Amino acid sequence: MSNPLSRLATRVAYGASQLPRVAWYVGHSLAVRRLSEAAQRRDGKKARPRPHTNLPVPDRRRLYADMAILFQQDLANIEAGLYPLPADHDGSLLTLLDRSRLFFDDLPEIHRRRERGAHNEVLAEGMRGKRPRYYLQNFHFQTGGWTTDDSASRYDTQVEVLFNGTANATRRQALPQLHEIFARRDQRKLRLLDIGCGTGRFLDFLKQAWPRLPTLGLDMSEHYVRYAKRHLKRWSRINLIVGNAESLPVPDESQDAVTSIFLFHELPPKVRRIVFRECARALKPGGRLVLVDSLQRGDQPDYDGLLDLFPQNYHEPYYRSYTNEDFGTLAAGCGLTHVRDVTAFVSKVMVFDKPAVRFREKSRPLPKAAYTGLSSSFSPHR
């Protein structure tokens, strides 16, 4: 983007769309903090012990500075042509207000569950046997877990409040890793699978970048899939289904890319390994797995205390094991290569490649003339 006027117009449009979002969700976050402090004063001695950590916790100045770095990177990706100026598709003001109402209406119930340590109400609501046991919990202490329409309608607001309005920008940081392998290829002939697609926010940004890319979204919640279908109805060549990532409904080596956003920290260690292995199975040789999830312990030492506090404040039973997971070793055990990690505020992007098929020793050699004109840098296509 070399034209100064074009660059200025892009920056103005980006700021006009992102700054109000941040202000909206930071405002929600501050309101939640005030309500929480009031509840603690009201409960007094009956309140549960306050979360505690001896590890470093970033102050608000550091948090806001790192949020700014994330948005600068998001804008730089747009200016580099890695993906277009995003449309967040948040809906009208009335829609936003209705989602906020749902969000605030659930706060008293979240507080009640948090104080009592209640997180199995979903299991008690007749869901036993319909989904894996690890899935049937009130994650984040929210009403309905992942098993109601209201939960799906609240989810995006909950996540953006938690991330201070940066969740969508964080999701978009997976796109440059896909651009790296999709560039100059016919998107119509590629295949991408997104596991744990939720409400479809990441898939929306994916389709904005590659509208003709055949895409499959998978989630275990029919309520979230139903919501995602409404959110993504503007796009073609996209299929959304209810399914379990422990047994992906795709053939071996059928996908050019597999993505997953904010899923792996919700999985028990054993299941995490099964799902990772399934991702590797589904990838074509030369394919890429891109995960976006929380920072892990040691990624940003100044944030380790925040990672320690998070599962104390929210029902996240598998989060601690996630923060200590060695994904490089996990990838190697599944035949994948750990390419890189890219920090994105309180999250990170993890990139893994499946090695391309190499010439085998027993393969019939090409005639000597076939090598004429090939440079010394020739290597099989990845």
Protein backbone atom coordinates (compact mmCIF):
# COMPACT_ATOMS: atom_id res chain seq x y z
CA MET A 1 0.00 0.00 0.00
CA SER A 2 2.36 2.69 -1.30
CA ASN A 3 -0.17 5.48 -1.99
CA PRO A 4 -0.04 7.88 1.02
CA LEU A 5 -3.71 8.88 0.61
CA SER A 6 -4.77 5.24 0.44
CA ARG A 7 -2.72 4.46 3.53
CA LEU A 8 -4.22 7.40 5.39
CA ALA A 9 -7.75 6.38 4.41
CA THR A 10 -7.10 2.81 5.59
CA ARG A 11 -5.75 4.00 8.93
CA VAL A 12 -8.66 6.35 9.50
CA ALA A 13 -11.16 3.61 8.61
CA TYR A 14 -9.37 1.12 10.85
CA GLY A 15 -9.33 3.50 13.81
CA ALA A 16 -12.96 4.45 13.26
CA SER A 17 -13.97 0.79 13.49
CA GLN A 18 -11.66 -0.48 16.24
CA LEU A 19 -11.46 2.36 18.76
CA PRO A 20 -15.21 2.41 19.50
CA ARG A 21 -15.16 -1.39 19.94
CA VAL A 22 -12.34 -1.17 22.46
CA ALA A 23 -14.08 1.64 24.34
CA TRP A 24 -17.35 -0.34 24.40
CA TYR A 25 -15.81 -3.50 25.84
CA VAL A 26 -13.35 -1.78 28.18
CA GLY A 27 -16.40 0.05 29.55
CA HIS A 28 -18.08 -3.30 30.13
CA SER A 29 -14.93 -4.60 31.83
CA LEU A 30 -14.78 -1.64 34.20
CA ALA A 31 -18.48 -2.08 35.03
CA VAL A 32 -17.92 -5.77 35.80
CA ARG A 33 -15.06 -4.86 38.13
CA ARG A 34 -17.23 -2.37 40.02
CA LEU A 35 -20.04 -4.92 40.34
CA SER A 36 -17.59 -7.56 41.56
CA GLU A 37 -16.16 -5.23 44.20
CA ALA A 38 -19.67 -4.37 45.37
CA ALA A 39 -20.56 -8.06 45.62
CA GLN A 40 -17.43 -8.77 47.67
CA ARG A 41 -18.26 -5.95 50.10
CA ARG A 42 -21.82 -7.25 50.39
CA ASP A 43 -20.77 -10.85 51.01
CA GLY A 44 -18.08 -9.86 53.52
CA LYS A 45 -16.75 -12.85 55.45
CA LYS A 46 -18.94 -15.22 53.46
CA ALA A 47 -17.04 -14.44 50.27
CA ARG A 48 -14.62 -17.03 48.95
CA PRO A 49 -10.88 -16.34 49.41
CA ARG A 50 -9.66 -13.85 46.83
CA PRO A 51 -7.49 -15.21 43.98
CA HIS A 52 -3.79 -14.98 44.75
CA THR A 53 -0.48 -15.43 42.96
CA ASN A 54 3.16 -14.83 43.80
CA LEU A 55 4.03 -14.47 40.12
CA PRO A 56 4.30 -11.12 38.30
CA VAL A 57 1.07 -9.57 37.01
CA PRO A 58 1.10 -6.77 34.39
CA ASP A 59 -0.47 -3.48 35.42
CA ARG A 60 -3.09 -1.70 33.33
CA ARG A 61 -0.51 0.51 31.62
CA ARG A 62 1.34 -2.59 30.39
CA LEU A 63 -1.90 -4.26 29.29
CA TYR A 64 -3.01 -1.24 27.27
CA ALA A 65 0.46 -0.88 25.74
CA ASP A 66 0.40 -4.50 24.59
CA MET A 67 -3.13 -4.07 23.27
CA ALA A 68 -1.83 -1.17 21.18
CA ILE A 69 0.96 -3.41 19.82
CA LEU A 70 -1.63 -5.98 18.77
CA PHE A 71 -3.68 -3.40 16.88
CA GLN A 72 -0.54 -2.00 15.26
CA GLN A 73 0.29 -5.50 14.01
CA ASP A 74 -3.29 -5.98 12.80
CA LEU A 75 -3.08 -2.73 10.83
CA ALA A 76 0.37 -3.61 9.47
CA ASN A 77 -1.03 -6.92 8.17
CA ILE A 78 -3.82 -5.06 6.40
CA GLU A 79 -1.43 -2.53 4.85
CA ALA A 80 0.79 -5.41 3.70
CA GLY A 81 -2.18 -6.93 1.88
CA LEU A 82 -2.26 -10.09 4.01
CA TYR A 83 -6.00 -9.60 4.57
CA PRO A 84 -8.51 -6.85 3.85
CA LEU A 85 -9.71 -4.10 6.18
CA PRO A 86 -11.91 -6.20 8.45
CA ALA A 87 -15.64 -5.94 8.97
CA ASP A 88 -16.38 -7.10 12.51
CA HIS A 89 -20.08 -7.61 11.73
CA ASP A 90 -21.09 -6.78 15.29
CA GLY A 91 -24.62 -5.87 14.25
CA SER A 92 -26.71 -2.79 14.97
CA LEU A 93 -26.62 -0.79 18.20
CA LEU A 94 -29.86 -2.49 19.25
CA THR A 95 -28.21 -5.88 18.70
CA LEU A 96 -25.19 -4.83 20.77
CA LEU A 97 -27.44 -3.57 23.55
CA ASP A 98 -29.40 -6.81 23.58
CA ARG A 99 -26.19 -8.84 23.85
CA SER A 100 -25.03 -6.58 26.67
CA ARG A 101 -28.32 -7.19 28.46
CA LEU A 102 -27.82 -10.95 28.17
CA PHE A 103 -24.25 -10.54 29.42
CA PHE A 104 -25.13 -8.47 32.50
CA ASP A 105 -28.21 -10.56 33.29
CA ASP A 106 -25.99 -13.61 33.72
CA LEU A 107 -23.44 -11.95 36.02
CA PRO A 108 -25.36 -12.68 39.26
CA GLU A 109 -25.59 -16.37 38.36
CA ILE A 110 -21.89 -16.44 37.45
CA HIS A 111 -21.08 -14.83 40.80
CA ARG A 112 -23.24 -17.39 42.64
CA ARG A 113 -21.51 -20.33 40.93
CA ARG A 114 -18.07 -18.83 41.48
CA GLU A 115 -18.69 -18.32 45.21
CA ARG A 116 -20.04 -21.85 45.65
CA GLY A 117 -17.68 -23.57 43.23
CA ALA A 118 -20.70 -24.82 41.28
CA HIS A 119 -19.77 -25.92 37.79
CA ASN A 120 -21.75 -29.09 37.09
CA GLU A 121 -25.23 -27.67 36.61
CA VAL A 122 -25.12 -28.48 32.90
CA LEU A 123 -24.61 -32.14 33.78
CA ALA A 124 -27.66 -31.98 36.04
CA GLU A 125 -29.88 -30.59 33.29
CA GLY A 126 -30.42 -33.88 31.48
CA MET A 127 -27.31 -33.71 29.27
CA ARG A 128 -25.55 -36.77 30.71
CA GLY A 129 -24.54 -39.15 27.94
CA LYS A 130 -25.27 -36.67 25.14
CA ARG A 131 -21.74 -35.27 25.08
CA PRO A 132 -18.37 -36.26 26.61
CA ARG A 133 -18.23 -35.76 30.36
CA TYR A 134 -15.42 -33.20 30.18
CA TYR A 135 -17.61 -31.03 27.92
CA LEU A 136 -20.64 -30.96 30.23
CA GLN A 137 -19.52 -28.24 32.63
CA ASN A 138 -20.34 -24.60 33.27
CA PHE A 139 -17.13 -23.31 31.71
CA HIS A 140 -16.45 -19.73 32.86
CA PHE A 141 -19.28 -20.40 35.38
CA GLN A 142 -21.69 -19.23 32.68
CA THR A 143 -25.27 -20.40 32.59
CA GLY A 144 -25.79 -23.32 30.24
CA GLY A 145 -22.11 -23.97 29.53
CA TRP A 146 -21.94 -24.44 25.76
CA THR A 147 -25.38 -26.05 25.59
CA THR A 148 -27.97 -23.28 25.12
CA ASP A 149 -28.96 -20.64 22.57
CA ASP A 150 -28.55 -17.90 25.21
CA SER A 151 -24.99 -19.08 25.86
CA ALA A 152 -24.19 -18.76 22.16
CA SER A 153 -25.72 -15.27 22.08
CA ARG A 154 -23.67 -14.17 25.11
CA TYR A 155 -20.38 -15.72 24.09
CA ASP A 156 -18.91 -13.02 21.84
CA THR A 157 -19.64 -10.30 24.38
CA GLN A 158 -18.12 -12.37 27.20
CA VAL A 159 -14.92 -13.00 25.26
CA GLU A 160 -14.53 -9.40 24.07
CA VAL A 161 -15.05 -8.10 27.63
CA LEU A 162 -12.42 -10.55 28.88
CA PHE A 163 -10.04 -9.42 26.11
CA ASN A 164 -10.90 -5.70 26.42
CA GLY A 165 -12.14 -5.59 22.83
CA THR A 166 -9.13 -7.36 21.27
CA ALA A 167 -10.57 -10.86 20.66
CA ASN A 168 -11.34 -10.31 16.97
CA ALA A 169 -7.95 -8.73 16.31
CA THR A 170 -6.36 -11.71 18.07
CA ARG A 171 -8.28 -14.16 15.87
CA ARG A 172 -7.08 -12.35 12.74
CA GLN A 173 -3.45 -13.07 13.64
CA ALA A 174 -3.97 -16.59 12.29
CA LEU A 175 -4.55 -15.20 8.80
CA PRO A 176 -0.92 -14.26 7.95
CA GLN A 177 0.11 -17.82 8.73
CA LEU A 178 -2.46 -19.06 6.20
CA HIS A 179 -1.52 -16.40 3.66
CA GLU A 180 2.02 -17.78 3.75
CA ILE A 181 0.87 -21.12 2.32
CA PHE A 182 -2.17 -19.94 0.30
CA ALA A 183 -0.48 -17.12 -1.65
CA ARG A 184 -0.51 -17.59 -5.44
CA ARG A 185 -2.63 -20.74 -5.15
CA ASP A 186 -6.17 -21.20 -6.46
CA GLN A 187 -8.27 -20.90 -3.32
CA ARG A 188 -11.09 -22.84 -4.93
CA LYS A 189 -8.88 -25.95 -4.96
CA LEU A 190 -7.83 -25.67 -1.32
CA ARG A 191 -9.60 -27.08 1.73
CA LEU A 192 -9.69 -25.72 5.28
CA LEU A 193 -11.17 -27.22 8.45
CA ASP A 194 -11.82 -25.09 11.54
CA ILE A 195 -12.40 -27.11 14.71
CA GLY A 196 -14.30 -25.61 17.63
CA CYS A 197 -15.69 -22.97 15.27
CA GLY A 198 -18.06 -21.61 17.93
CA THR A 199 -20.08 -18.61 16.76
CA GLY A 200 -18.09 -18.37 13.52
CA ARG A 201 -16.15 -15.17 14.23
CA PHE A 202 -12.84 -16.48 12.91
CA LEU A 203 -14.49 -18.05 9.86
CA ASP A 204 -16.02 -14.67 9.02
CA PHE A 205 -12.54 -13.10 8.81
CA LEU A 206 -11.25 -16.11 6.91
CA LYS A 207 -13.96 -15.71 4.26
CA GLN A 208 -13.32 -11.98 4.01
CA ALA A 209 -9.77 -12.88 2.96
CA TRP A 210 -10.59 -15.98 0.84
CA PRO A 211 -14.30 -15.85 -0.11
CA ARG A 212 -14.06 -18.81 -2.52
CA LEU A 213 -12.14 -21.12 -0.18
CA PRO A 214 -14.12 -24.33 0.55
CA THR A 215 -14.38 -24.35 4.33
CA LEU A 216 -15.72 -26.74 6.95
CA GLY A 217 -16.51 -25.56 10.48
CA LEU A 218 -16.97 -28.11 13.27
CA ASP A 219 -18.30 -27.60 16.78
CA MET A 220 -19.78 -29.91 19.42
CA SER A 221 -22.61 -27.50 20.28
CA GLU A 222 -25.62 -27.47 17.98
CA HIS A 223 -26.56 -24.13 19.57
CA TYR A 224 -23.27 -22.51 18.59
CA VAL A 225 -23.38 -24.04 15.12
CA ARG A 226 -26.89 -22.70 14.63
CA TYR A 227 -25.70 -19.24 15.71
CA ALA A 228 -22.67 -19.47 13.38
CA LYS A 229 -24.88 -20.36 10.42
CA ARG A 230 -26.84 -17.14 10.94
CA HIS A 231 -23.66 -15.11 11.39
CA LEU A 232 -22.05 -16.55 8.24
CA LYS A 233 -25.08 -16.64 5.96
CA ARG A 234 -23.51 -13.99 3.71
CA TRP A 235 -20.81 -16.44 2.61
CA SER A 236 -20.84 -19.36 0.18
CA ARG A 237 -18.63 -22.48 0.05
CA ILE A 238 -18.85 -22.95 3.79
CA ASN A 239 -20.33 -25.89 5.65
CA LEU A 240 -20.95 -25.94 9.40
CA ILE A 241 -21.62 -29.19 11.22
CA VAL A 242 -21.97 -30.56 14.74
CA GLY A 243 -19.19 -33.01 15.50
CA ASN A 244 -16.44 -34.09 17.88
CA ALA A 245 -12.84 -33.13 17.11
CA GLU A 246 -11.69 -36.43 18.66
CA SER A 247 -12.96 -38.08 15.48
CA LEU A 248 -12.87 -35.57 12.66
CA PRO A 249 -15.38 -36.36 9.89
CA VAL A 250 -12.88 -35.88 7.08
CA PRO A 251 -10.67 -38.34 5.14
CA ASP A 252 -6.96 -38.77 5.79
CA GLU A 253 -4.75 -36.08 4.20
CA SER A 254 -7.74 -34.12 2.86
CA GLN A 255 -7.13 -30.61 4.27
CA ASP A 256 -4.64 -27.98 3.19
CA ALA A 257 -5.06 -26.23 6.53
CA VAL A 258 -6.62 -26.95 9.90
CA THR A 259 -7.30 -24.11 12.33
CA SER A 260 -8.54 -23.90 15.90
CA ILE A 261 -9.18 -20.75 17.91
CA PHE A 262 -9.38 -20.75 21.74
CA LEU A 263 -10.15 -24.48 21.94
CA PHE A 264 -7.10 -26.37 23.18
CA HIS A 265 -7.05 -24.85 26.68
CA GLU A 266 -10.58 -26.25 27.14
CA LEU A 267 -9.47 -29.85 26.53
CA PRO A 268 -8.20 -32.39 29.09
CA PRO A 269 -4.59 -33.43 28.37
CA LYS A 270 -5.56 -36.85 27.04
CA VAL A 271 -8.22 -35.40 24.74
CA ARG A 272 -5.84 -32.63 23.68
CA ARG A 273 -3.47 -35.26 22.34
CA ILE A 274 -6.22 -37.14 20.53
CA VAL A 275 -7.45 -33.95 18.84
CA PHE A 276 -3.92 -32.90 17.89
CA ARG A 277 -3.33 -36.31 16.33
CA GLU A 278 -6.60 -36.02 14.42
CA CYS A 279 -5.53 -32.63 13.05
CA ALA A 280 -2.28 -34.19 11.83
CA ARG A 281 -4.17 -37.07 10.22
CA ALA A 282 -6.49 -34.70 8.35
CA LEU A 283 -3.69 -32.54 6.92
CA LYS A 284 -2.32 -33.12 3.45
CA PRO A 285 1.47 -33.40 3.16
CA GLY A 286 2.64 -29.79 3.05
CA GLY A 287 -0.47 -28.71 4.99
CA ARG A 288 -0.50 -26.40 7.99
CA LEU A 289 -2.07 -26.46 11.45
CA VAL A 290 -2.65 -23.03 13.03
CA LEU A 291 -3.74 -22.74 16.66
CA VAL A 292 -4.64 -19.52 18.45
CA ASP A 293 -4.90 -19.81 22.20
CA SER A 294 -3.69 -18.40 25.50
CA LEU A 295 -0.11 -17.57 26.29
CA GLN A 296 1.69 -20.37 28.10
CA ARG A 297 3.86 -20.16 31.17
CA GLY A 298 7.19 -18.54 30.31
CA ASP A 299 6.08 -17.04 26.97
CA GLN A 300 5.87 -13.60 28.58
CA PRO A 301 7.23 -13.93 32.14
CA ASP A 302 5.57 -10.67 33.20
CA TYR A 303 2.20 -12.29 32.41
CA ASP A 304 2.72 -15.54 34.33
CA GLY A 305 0.75 -14.24 37.30
CA LEU A 306 -2.19 -13.43 35.05
CA LEU A 307 -2.13 -17.02 33.76
CA ASP A 308 -2.10 -18.19 37.39
CA LEU A 309 -5.11 -16.04 38.32
CA PHE A 310 -7.28 -16.84 35.32
CA PRO A 311 -8.40 -20.36 36.32
CA GLN A 312 -8.98 -19.11 39.88
CA ASN A 313 -11.51 -16.56 38.61
CA TYR A 314 -13.15 -18.71 35.93
CA HIS A 315 -14.02 -22.36 35.78
CA GLU A 316 -11.21 -23.53 33.49
CA PRO A 317 -10.37 -27.03 34.74
CA TYR A 318 -7.78 -27.84 32.06
CA TYR A 319 -6.12 -24.44 31.74
CA ARG A 320 -3.16 -25.10 34.02
CA SER A 321 -2.21 -28.24 32.12
CA TYR A 322 -2.50 -26.25 28.88
CA THR A 323 -0.12 -23.55 30.11
CA ASN A 324 2.53 -26.22 30.76
CA GLU A 325 1.91 -28.26 27.59
CA ASP A 326 4.93 -28.87 25.33
CA PHE A 327 3.33 -28.45 21.90
CA GLY A 328 6.63 -28.92 20.09
CA THR A 329 7.01 -32.42 21.50
CA LEU A 330 3.33 -33.10 20.95
CA ALA A 331 3.67 -32.06 17.30
CA ALA A 332 6.76 -34.19 16.74
CA GLY A 333 4.93 -37.22 18.07
CA CYS A 334 2.23 -36.66 15.44
CA GLY A 335 4.61 -36.16 12.53
CA LEU A 336 4.32 -32.36 12.47
CA THR A 337 7.03 -29.72 12.60
CA HIS A 338 6.69 -26.78 14.99
CA VAL A 339 7.34 -23.78 12.73
CA ARG A 340 6.89 -20.77 15.01
CA ASP A 341 4.93 -19.04 17.77
CA VAL A 342 3.71 -15.45 17.39
CA THR A 343 2.59 -13.46 20.43
CA ALA A 344 -0.77 -11.68 20.19
CA PHE A 345 -1.41 -9.74 23.44
CA VAL A 346 -2.56 -12.36 26.02
CA SER A 347 -2.67 -15.03 23.33
CA LYS A 348 -0.32 -16.59 20.84
CA VAL A 349 -0.45 -18.17 17.40
CA MET A 350 1.18 -21.60 17.11
CA VAL A 351 2.09 -22.88 13.64
CA PHE A 352 2.82 -26.48 12.67
CA ASP A 353 3.51 -27.99 9.25
CA LYS A 354 3.11 -31.50 7.95
CA PRO A 355 6.22 -32.34 5.92
CA ALA A 356 5.63 -32.55 2.19
CA VAL A 357 6.05 -35.91 0.47
CA ARG A 358 9.69 -36.38 -0.45
CA PHE A 359 11.09 -38.47 -3.27
CA ARG A 360 11.53 -42.00 -1.98
CA GLU A 361 14.69 -43.96 -2.57
CA LYS A 362 12.82 -46.71 -4.37
CA SER A 363 10.98 -44.32 -6.66
CA ARG A 364 11.80 -44.63 -10.34
CA PRO A 365 14.39 -41.94 -11.13
CA LEU A 366 13.65 -39.31 -13.72
CA PRO A 367 15.58 -39.49 -17.03
CA LYS A 368 18.80 -37.52 -16.87
CA ALA A 369 17.45 -35.02 -19.40
CA ALA A 370 14.59 -34.17 -17.07
CA TYR A 371 17.04 -32.44 -14.71
CA THR A 372 18.32 -30.11 -17.43
CA GLY A 373 17.70 -26.49 -16.52
CA LEU A 374 16.71 -27.11 -12.90
CA SER A 375 18.51 -24.82 -10.48
CA SER A 376 20.39 -26.18 -7.49
CA SER A 377 17.74 -24.68 -5.23
CA PHE A 378 15.00 -27.02 -6.54
CA SER A 379 13.00 -28.78 -3.82
CA PRO A 380 9.64 -30.55 -3.83
CA HIS A 381 6.63 -28.27 -3.45
CA ARG A 382 5.51 -27.62 0.12
